[in-house]
Amino acid sequence: MKRDTLRLFPAVTLVMEGAGEYRRIDSVQSATKTLLEHWPIEDGEEYLSAIKVCLDAMMGTVHPSAAREALIKAAAEAGVSVMQ
């Protein structure tokens, strides 16, 4: 069975510090990739929670909007600015 890992949600733009990079996130897949490959910290309660919620959303056990909200909370924890 193929899973729908893209799982779209209303886009948010993250302002990644240091590189002055803007990342537009509009899916569970892009949120997960950003958390795992481009996140400025590797620990934190909200960060770990966001990874779990994103994986759950990929599996279809939670709505994609939950992943979006978890990403926003993790961003606040990491000092990453969010434009909605």
C-alpha atoms as a PDB file:
ATOM      1  CA  MET A   1       0.000   0.000   0.000  1.00  0.00           C
ATOM      2  CA  LYS A   2       1.439   3.359  -1.020  1.00  0.00           C
ATOM      3  CA  ARG A   3       1.208   6.092   1.603  1.00  0.00           C
ATOM      4  CA  ASP A   4       0.401   9.702   0.795  1.00  0.00           C
ATOM      5  CA  THR A   5       3.484  11.283   2.364  1.00  0.00           C
ATOM      6  CA  LEU A   6       2.993  14.640   0.660  1.00  0.00           C
ATOM      7  CA  ARG A   7      -0.129  15.536   2.732  1.00  0.00           C
ATOM      8  CA  LEU A   8      -0.675  19.225   1.919  1.00  0.00           C
ATOM      9  CA  PHE A   9      -1.526  22.001   4.397  1.00  0.00           C
ATOM     10  CA  PRO A  10      -1.717  25.838   4.228  1.00  0.00           C
ATOM     11  CA  ALA A  11       1.807  27.091   3.568  1.00  0.00           C
ATOM     12  CA  VAL A  12       4.070  28.736   6.115  1.00  0.00           C
ATOM     13  CA  THR A  13       7.407  30.351   5.354  1.00  0.00           C
ATOM     14  CA  LEU A  14      10.303  29.825   7.736  1.00  0.00           C
ATOM     15  CA  VAL A  15      13.120  32.348   7.967  1.00  0.00           C
ATOM     16  CA  MET A  16      16.165  30.214   8.689  1.00  0.00           C
ATOM     17  CA  GLU A  17      18.778  32.205  10.612  1.00  0.00           C
ATOM     18  CA  GLY A  18      22.370  32.478   9.534  1.00  0.00           C
ATOM     19  CA  ALA A  19      21.878  31.775   5.854  1.00  0.00           C
ATOM     20  CA  GLY A  20      19.013  34.271   5.525  1.00  0.00           C
ATOM     21  CA  GLU A  21      17.192  31.467   3.785  1.00  0.00           C
ATOM     22  CA  TYR A  22      13.425  31.363   3.344  1.00  0.00           C
ATOM     23  CA  ARG A  23      11.795  27.939   3.238  1.00  0.00           C
ATOM     24  CA  ARG A  24       8.179  27.637   2.081  1.00  0.00           C
ATOM     25  CA  ILE A  25       6.602  24.624   3.748  1.00  0.00           C
ATOM     26  CA  ASP A  26       3.252  23.411   2.426  1.00  0.00           C
ATOM     27  CA  SER A  27       3.245  19.677   3.096  1.00  0.00           C
ATOM     28  CA  VAL A  28       4.017  17.103   5.738  1.00  0.00           C
ATOM     29  CA  GLN A  29       6.805  15.807   3.520  1.00  0.00           C
ATOM     30  CA  SER A  30       8.537  19.198   3.271  1.00  0.00           C
ATOM     31  CA  ALA A  31       8.046  19.824   7.000  1.00  0.00           C
ATOM     32  CA  THR A  32       9.652  16.489   7.857  1.00  0.00           C
ATOM     33  CA  LYS A  33      12.572  17.054   5.485  1.00  0.00           C
ATOM     34  CA  THR A  34      13.177  20.530   6.913  1.00  0.00           C
ATOM     35  CA  LEU A  35      13.094  19.259  10.498  1.00  0.00           C
ATOM     36  CA  LEU A  36      15.471  16.380   9.783  1.00  0.00           C
ATOM     37  CA  GLU A  37      17.894  18.031   7.359  1.00  0.00           C
ATOM     38  CA  HIS A  38      17.848  21.795   7.884  1.00  0.00           C
ATOM     39  CA  TRP A  39      16.820  22.465  11.487  1.00  0.00           C
ATOM     40  CA  PRO A  40      19.125  24.712  13.542  1.00  0.00           C
ATOM     41  CA  ILE A  41      18.864  22.578  16.701  1.00  0.00           C
ATOM     42  CA  GLU A  42      18.862  18.830  17.197  1.00  0.00           C
ATOM     43  CA  ASP A  43      16.993  18.624  20.445  1.00  0.00           C
ATOM     44  CA  GLY A  44      14.132  20.281  22.224  1.00  0.00           C
ATOM     45  CA  GLU A  45      10.731  19.052  23.307  1.00  0.00           C
ATOM     46  CA  GLU A  46       8.803  20.793  20.511  1.00  0.00           C
ATOM     47  CA  TYR A  47      11.334  19.677  17.878  1.00  0.00           C
ATOM     48  CA  LEU A  48      11.040  16.020  18.857  1.00  0.00           C
ATOM     49  CA  SER A  49       7.270  16.311  19.096  1.00  0.00           C
ATOM     50  CA  ALA A  50       7.100  17.863  15.612  1.00  0.00           C
ATOM     51  CA  ILE A  51       9.062  14.979  14.113  1.00  0.00           C
ATOM     52  CA  LYS A  52       6.698  12.474  15.726  1.00  0.00           C
ATOM     53  CA  VAL A  53       3.595  14.360  14.584  1.00  0.00           C
ATOM     54  CA  CYS A  54       4.953  14.612  11.034  1.00  0.00           C
ATOM     55  CA  LEU A  55       5.624  10.878  10.919  1.00  0.00           C
ATOM     56  CA  ASP A  56       2.128  10.208  12.281  1.00  0.00           C
ATOM     57  CA  ALA A  57       0.677  12.508   9.610  1.00  0.00           C
ATOM     58  CA  MET A  58       2.572  10.604   6.916  1.00  0.00           C
ATOM     59  CA  MET A  59       0.999   7.409   8.223  1.00  0.00           C
ATOM     60  CA  GLY A  60      -2.427   9.052   8.152  1.00  0.00           C
ATOM     61  CA  THR A  61      -3.086   8.775  11.877  1.00  0.00           C
ATOM     62  CA  VAL A  62      -3.257  12.555  12.380  1.00  0.00           C
ATOM     63  CA  HIS A  63      -4.423  15.357  10.099  1.00  0.00           C
ATOM     64  CA  PRO A  64      -1.762  17.326   8.178  1.00  0.00           C
ATOM     65  CA  SER A  65      -2.794  20.485  10.041  1.00  0.00           C
ATOM     66  CA  ALA A  66      -1.421  18.903  13.231  1.00  0.00           C
ATOM     67  CA  ALA A  67       1.991  18.666  11.554  1.00  0.00           C
ATOM     68  CA  ARG A  68       1.758  22.321  10.526  1.00  0.00           C
ATOM     69  CA  GLU A  69       0.978  23.409  14.089  1.00  0.00           C
ATOM     70  CA  ALA A  70       3.767  21.228  15.504  1.00  0.00           C
ATOM     71  CA  LEU A  71       6.225  22.760  13.022  1.00  0.00           C
ATOM     72  CA  ILE A  72       5.214  26.269  14.107  1.00  0.00           C
ATOM     73  CA  LYS A  73       5.746  25.360  17.785  1.00  0.00           C
ATOM     74  CA  ALA A  74       9.148  23.837  16.998  1.00  0.00           C
ATOM     75  CA  ALA A  75      10.084  26.982  15.091  1.00  0.00           C
ATOM     76  CA  ALA A  76       9.222  29.159  18.089  1.00  0.00           C
ATOM     77  CA  GLU A  77      11.345  26.920  20.309  1.00  0.00           C
ATOM     78  CA  ALA A  78      14.312  27.141  17.891  1.00  0.00           C
ATOM     79  CA  GLY A  79      14.029  30.895  17.328  1.00  0.00           C
ATOM     80  CA  VAL A  80      13.018  30.438  13.687  1.00  0.00           C
ATOM     81  CA  SER A  81      10.699  33.179  12.433  1.00  0.00           C
ATOM     82  CA  VAL A  82       7.446  32.053  10.815  1.00  0.00           C
ATOM     83  CA  MET A  83       5.468  33.984   8.208  1.00  0.00           C
ATOM     84  CA  GLN A  84       1.912  32.707   7.765  1.00  0.00           C
END
